[in-house]
Amino acid sequence: MTLEVGATVTGKVIRISADGILVSLPEGKTGLIPVTQGTGRSYFSAGEVIITRITTPEAEGRFELALVSAEISRKPADRF
């Protein structure tokens, strides 16, 4: 898979920080879902698998991402 702007990719949450959600992507790359997107950082935890979209080209070793879905690793009972 080529990691380019507009691509939808599955990644794993590495860490939650004041800047946003740091995500491990394919090909050993990382990305950040910025806190400015209002993603509700407290809703996520390290290790969760989520679906993201790449919104900017790689810069300073990481991509900027947008959240597409967090449902991939959640069981129905976990959502309530």
N, C-alpha and C. Protein backbone atom coordinates (compact mmCIF):
# COMPACT_ATOMS: atom_id res chain seq x y z
N MET A 1 0.84 -1.18 0.00
CA MET A 1 0.00 0.00 0.00
C MET A 1 0.88 1.24 0.00
N THR A 2 0.55 2.19 -0.83
CA THR A 2 1.27 3.45 -0.86
C THR A 2 0.62 4.43 0.11
N LEU A 3 1.44 5.01 0.97
CA LEU A 3 0.93 5.99 1.92
C LEU A 3 1.00 7.37 1.27
N GLU A 4 -0.16 7.87 0.86
CA GLU A 4 -0.23 9.16 0.20
C GLU A 4 -1.48 9.89 0.66
N VAL A 5 -1.51 11.18 0.45
CA VAL A 5 -2.66 11.99 0.86
C VAL A 5 -3.93 11.43 0.25
N GLY A 6 -4.94 11.26 1.09
CA GLY A 6 -6.23 10.74 0.66
C GLY A 6 -6.40 9.25 0.90
N ALA A 7 -5.30 8.54 1.15
CA ALA A 7 -5.38 7.09 1.39
C ALA A 7 -6.03 6.82 2.74
N THR A 8 -6.86 5.79 2.78
CA THR A 8 -7.47 5.33 4.01
C THR A 8 -6.66 4.14 4.50
N VAL A 9 -6.16 4.23 5.74
CA VAL A 9 -5.28 3.19 6.27
C VAL A 9 -5.71 2.79 7.68
N THR A 10 -5.44 1.54 8.01
CA THR A 10 -5.68 1.04 9.35
C THR A 10 -4.39 1.20 10.15
N GLY A 11 -4.53 1.66 11.38
CA GLY A 11 -3.37 1.85 12.23
C GLY A 11 -3.70 1.51 13.67
N LYS A 12 -2.67 1.50 14.50
CA LYS A 12 -2.85 1.18 15.91
C LYS A 12 -2.45 2.40 16.75
N VAL A 13 -3.29 2.73 17.72
CA VAL A 13 -2.99 3.85 18.61
C VAL A 13 -1.75 3.51 19.43
N ILE A 14 -0.74 4.39 19.34
CA ILE A 14 0.49 4.21 20.10
C ILE A 14 0.39 4.94 21.43
N ARG A 15 -0.05 6.19 21.35
CA ARG A 15 -0.05 7.03 22.55
C ARG A 15 -1.04 8.18 22.37
N ILE A 16 -1.60 8.61 23.50
CA ILE A 16 -2.47 9.78 23.54
C ILE A 16 -1.66 10.89 24.18
N SER A 17 -1.58 12.05 23.54
CA SER A 17 -0.80 13.16 24.09
C SER A 17 -1.61 14.44 24.02
N ALA A 18 -1.03 15.51 24.51
CA ALA A 18 -1.68 16.82 24.46
C ALA A 18 -1.86 17.29 23.02
N ASP A 19 -1.03 16.78 22.11
CA ASP A 19 -1.12 17.16 20.69
C ASP A 19 -2.19 16.39 19.94
N GLY A 20 -2.53 15.20 20.40
CA GLY A 20 -3.51 14.37 19.72
C GLY A 20 -3.24 12.90 19.92
N ILE A 21 -3.61 12.11 18.92
CA ILE A 21 -3.49 10.65 18.99
C ILE A 21 -2.40 10.21 18.02
N LEU A 22 -1.35 9.61 18.54
CA LEU A 22 -0.25 9.12 17.73
C LEU A 22 -0.59 7.69 17.28
N VAL A 23 -0.47 7.46 15.97
CA VAL A 23 -0.91 6.20 15.37
C VAL A 23 0.23 5.54 14.59
N SER A 24 0.41 4.24 14.79
CA SER A 24 1.37 3.44 14.02
C SER A 24 0.69 3.04 12.71
N LEU A 25 1.36 3.30 11.60
CA LEU A 25 0.83 3.02 10.27
C LEU A 25 1.62 1.91 9.60
N PRO A 26 1.13 1.38 8.47
CA PRO A 26 1.90 0.40 7.71
C PRO A 26 3.25 0.99 7.30
N GLU A 27 4.15 0.13 6.90
CA GLU A 27 5.49 0.49 6.42
C GLU A 27 6.34 1.14 7.50
N GLY A 28 5.99 0.93 8.79
CA GLY A 28 6.77 1.47 9.88
C GLY A 28 6.64 2.97 10.06
N LYS A 29 5.65 3.58 9.47
CA LYS A 29 5.43 5.03 9.55
C LYS A 29 4.51 5.35 10.72
N THR A 30 4.45 6.63 11.08
CA THR A 30 3.54 7.09 12.14
C THR A 30 2.75 8.28 11.63
N GLY A 31 1.64 8.53 12.31
CA GLY A 31 0.80 9.68 11.98
C GLY A 31 0.18 10.23 13.24
N LEU A 32 -0.34 11.44 13.15
CA LEU A 32 -0.96 12.11 14.28
C LEU A 32 -2.34 12.60 13.89
N ILE A 33 -3.32 12.26 14.70
CA ILE A 33 -4.65 12.85 14.58
C ILE A 33 -4.64 14.03 15.54
N PRO A 34 -4.58 15.26 15.02
CA PRO A 34 -4.44 16.42 15.90
C PRO A 34 -5.62 16.61 16.83
N VAL A 35 -5.34 17.13 18.01
CA VAL A 35 -6.37 17.41 18.99
C VAL A 35 -7.38 18.42 18.44
N THR A 36 -6.97 19.25 17.51
CA THR A 36 -7.85 20.26 16.92
C THR A 36 -9.02 19.66 16.16
N GLN A 37 -8.95 18.37 15.83
CA GLN A 37 -10.05 17.71 15.13
C GLN A 37 -11.17 17.30 16.07
N GLY A 38 -10.99 17.51 17.38
CA GLY A 38 -12.03 17.18 18.34
C GLY A 38 -12.36 15.71 18.37
N THR A 39 -11.34 14.85 18.33
CA THR A 39 -11.56 13.42 18.26
C THR A 39 -11.93 12.78 19.59
N GLY A 40 -11.89 13.52 20.67
CA GLY A 40 -12.22 12.93 21.97
C GLY A 40 -11.15 11.97 22.43
N ARG A 41 -9.97 12.50 22.72
CA ARG A 41 -8.82 11.66 23.07
C ARG A 41 -9.11 10.69 24.19
N SER A 42 -9.96 11.05 25.13
CA SER A 42 -10.23 10.16 26.26
C SER A 42 -11.02 8.92 25.83
N TYR A 43 -11.55 8.94 24.63
CA TYR A 43 -12.33 7.82 24.11
C TYR A 43 -11.43 6.68 23.64
N PHE A 44 -10.16 6.98 23.39
CA PHE A 44 -9.22 6.00 22.84
C PHE A 44 -8.21 5.54 23.87
N SER A 45 -7.61 4.39 23.60
CA SER A 45 -6.53 3.90 24.47
C SER A 45 -5.47 3.25 23.59
N ALA A 46 -4.25 3.21 24.11
CA ALA A 46 -3.13 2.62 23.36
C ALA A 46 -3.46 1.18 23.00
N GLY A 47 -3.11 0.79 21.79
CA GLY A 47 -3.35 -0.57 21.32
C GLY A 47 -4.60 -0.73 20.48
N GLU A 48 -5.50 0.24 20.52
CA GLU A 48 -6.72 0.14 19.70
C GLU A 48 -6.38 0.25 18.22
N VAL A 49 -7.08 -0.49 17.41
CA VAL A 49 -6.93 -0.42 15.96
C VAL A 49 -8.02 0.49 15.43
N ILE A 50 -7.60 1.49 14.63
CA ILE A 50 -8.54 2.46 14.08
C ILE A 50 -8.30 2.63 12.59
N ILE A 51 -9.26 3.23 11.92
CA ILE A 51 -9.14 3.53 10.50
C ILE A 51 -8.98 5.04 10.36
N THR A 52 -7.95 5.44 9.60
CA THR A 52 -7.65 6.86 9.43
C THR A 52 -7.51 7.20 7.96
N ARG A 53 -7.51 8.50 7.69
CA ARG A 53 -7.25 8.98 6.32
C ARG A 53 -6.06 9.93 6.41
N ILE A 54 -5.13 9.79 5.50
CA ILE A 54 -3.96 10.67 5.46
C ILE A 54 -4.39 12.01 4.87
N THR A 55 -4.12 13.10 5.62
CA THR A 55 -4.56 14.43 5.19
C THR A 55 -3.43 15.34 4.72
N THR A 56 -2.18 15.03 5.11
CA THR A 56 -1.05 15.83 4.66
C THR A 56 0.11 14.91 4.29
N PRO A 57 0.99 15.37 3.41
CA PRO A 57 2.19 14.57 3.10
C PRO A 57 3.05 14.40 4.34
N GLU A 58 3.89 13.37 4.31
CA GLU A 58 4.78 13.11 5.43
C GLU A 58 5.72 14.31 5.64
N ALA A 59 5.81 14.77 6.88
CA ALA A 59 6.70 15.87 7.24
C ALA A 59 7.26 15.58 8.63
N GLU A 60 8.54 15.80 8.79
CA GLU A 60 9.20 15.56 10.07
C GLU A 60 8.95 14.14 10.58
N GLY A 61 8.90 13.18 9.65
CA GLY A 61 8.79 11.78 10.01
C GLY A 61 7.40 11.26 10.29
N ARG A 62 6.36 12.08 10.11
CA ARG A 62 5.00 11.58 10.32
C ARG A 62 3.99 12.27 9.42
N PHE A 63 2.85 11.60 9.29
CA PHE A 63 1.73 12.12 8.51
C PHE A 63 0.73 12.77 9.46
N GLU A 64 -0.07 13.67 8.94
CA GLU A 64 -1.23 14.15 9.69
C GLU A 64 -2.42 13.34 9.21
N LEU A 65 -3.26 12.93 10.16
CA LEU A 65 -4.36 12.02 9.87
C LEU A 65 -5.70 12.60 10.29
N ALA A 66 -6.76 12.01 9.76
CA ALA A 66 -8.13 12.28 10.20
C ALA A 66 -8.74 10.94 10.57
N LEU A 67 -9.51 10.92 11.63
CA LEU A 67 -10.17 9.68 12.05
C LEU A 67 -11.31 9.35 11.10
N VAL A 68 -11.36 8.10 10.66
CA VAL A 68 -12.45 7.62 9.82
C VAL A 68 -13.39 6.76 10.66
N SER A 69 -12.82 5.80 11.42
CA SER A 69 -13.63 4.90 12.24
C SER A 69 -12.81 4.31 13.36
N ALA A 70 -13.46 4.14 14.51
CA ALA A 70 -12.80 3.48 15.65
C ALA A 70 -13.50 2.17 15.95
N GLU A 71 -14.35 1.73 15.10
CA GLU A 71 -15.17 0.55 15.37
C GLU A 71 -14.44 -0.77 15.15
N ILE A 72 -13.32 -0.76 14.49
CA ILE A 72 -12.68 -2.01 14.08
C ILE A 72 -12.28 -2.89 15.26
N SER A 73 -11.88 -2.30 16.39
CA SER A 73 -11.41 -3.14 17.49
C SER A 73 -12.34 -3.10 18.70
N ARG A 74 -13.48 -2.53 18.55
CA ARG A 74 -14.41 -2.43 19.67
C ARG A 74 -15.53 -3.46 19.54
N LYS A 75 -15.83 -4.11 20.63
CA LYS A 75 -16.95 -5.03 20.67
C LYS A 75 -18.21 -4.20 20.92
N PRO A 76 -19.39 -4.65 20.49
CA PRO A 76 -20.61 -3.88 20.70
C PRO A 76 -20.82 -3.46 22.14
N ALA A 77 -20.52 -4.31 23.10
CA ALA A 77 -20.73 -3.97 24.51
C ALA A 77 -19.80 -2.87 24.99
N ASP A 78 -18.66 -2.69 24.32
CA ASP A 78 -17.70 -1.67 24.71
C ASP A 78 -18.15 -0.26 24.35
N ARG A 79 -19.14 -0.13 23.51
CA ARG A 79 -19.57 1.19 23.05
C ARG A 79 -20.58 1.84 23.98
N PHE A 80 -21.05 1.14 24.99
CA PHE A 80 -22.10 1.69 25.84
C PHE A 80 -21.59 2.08 27.20
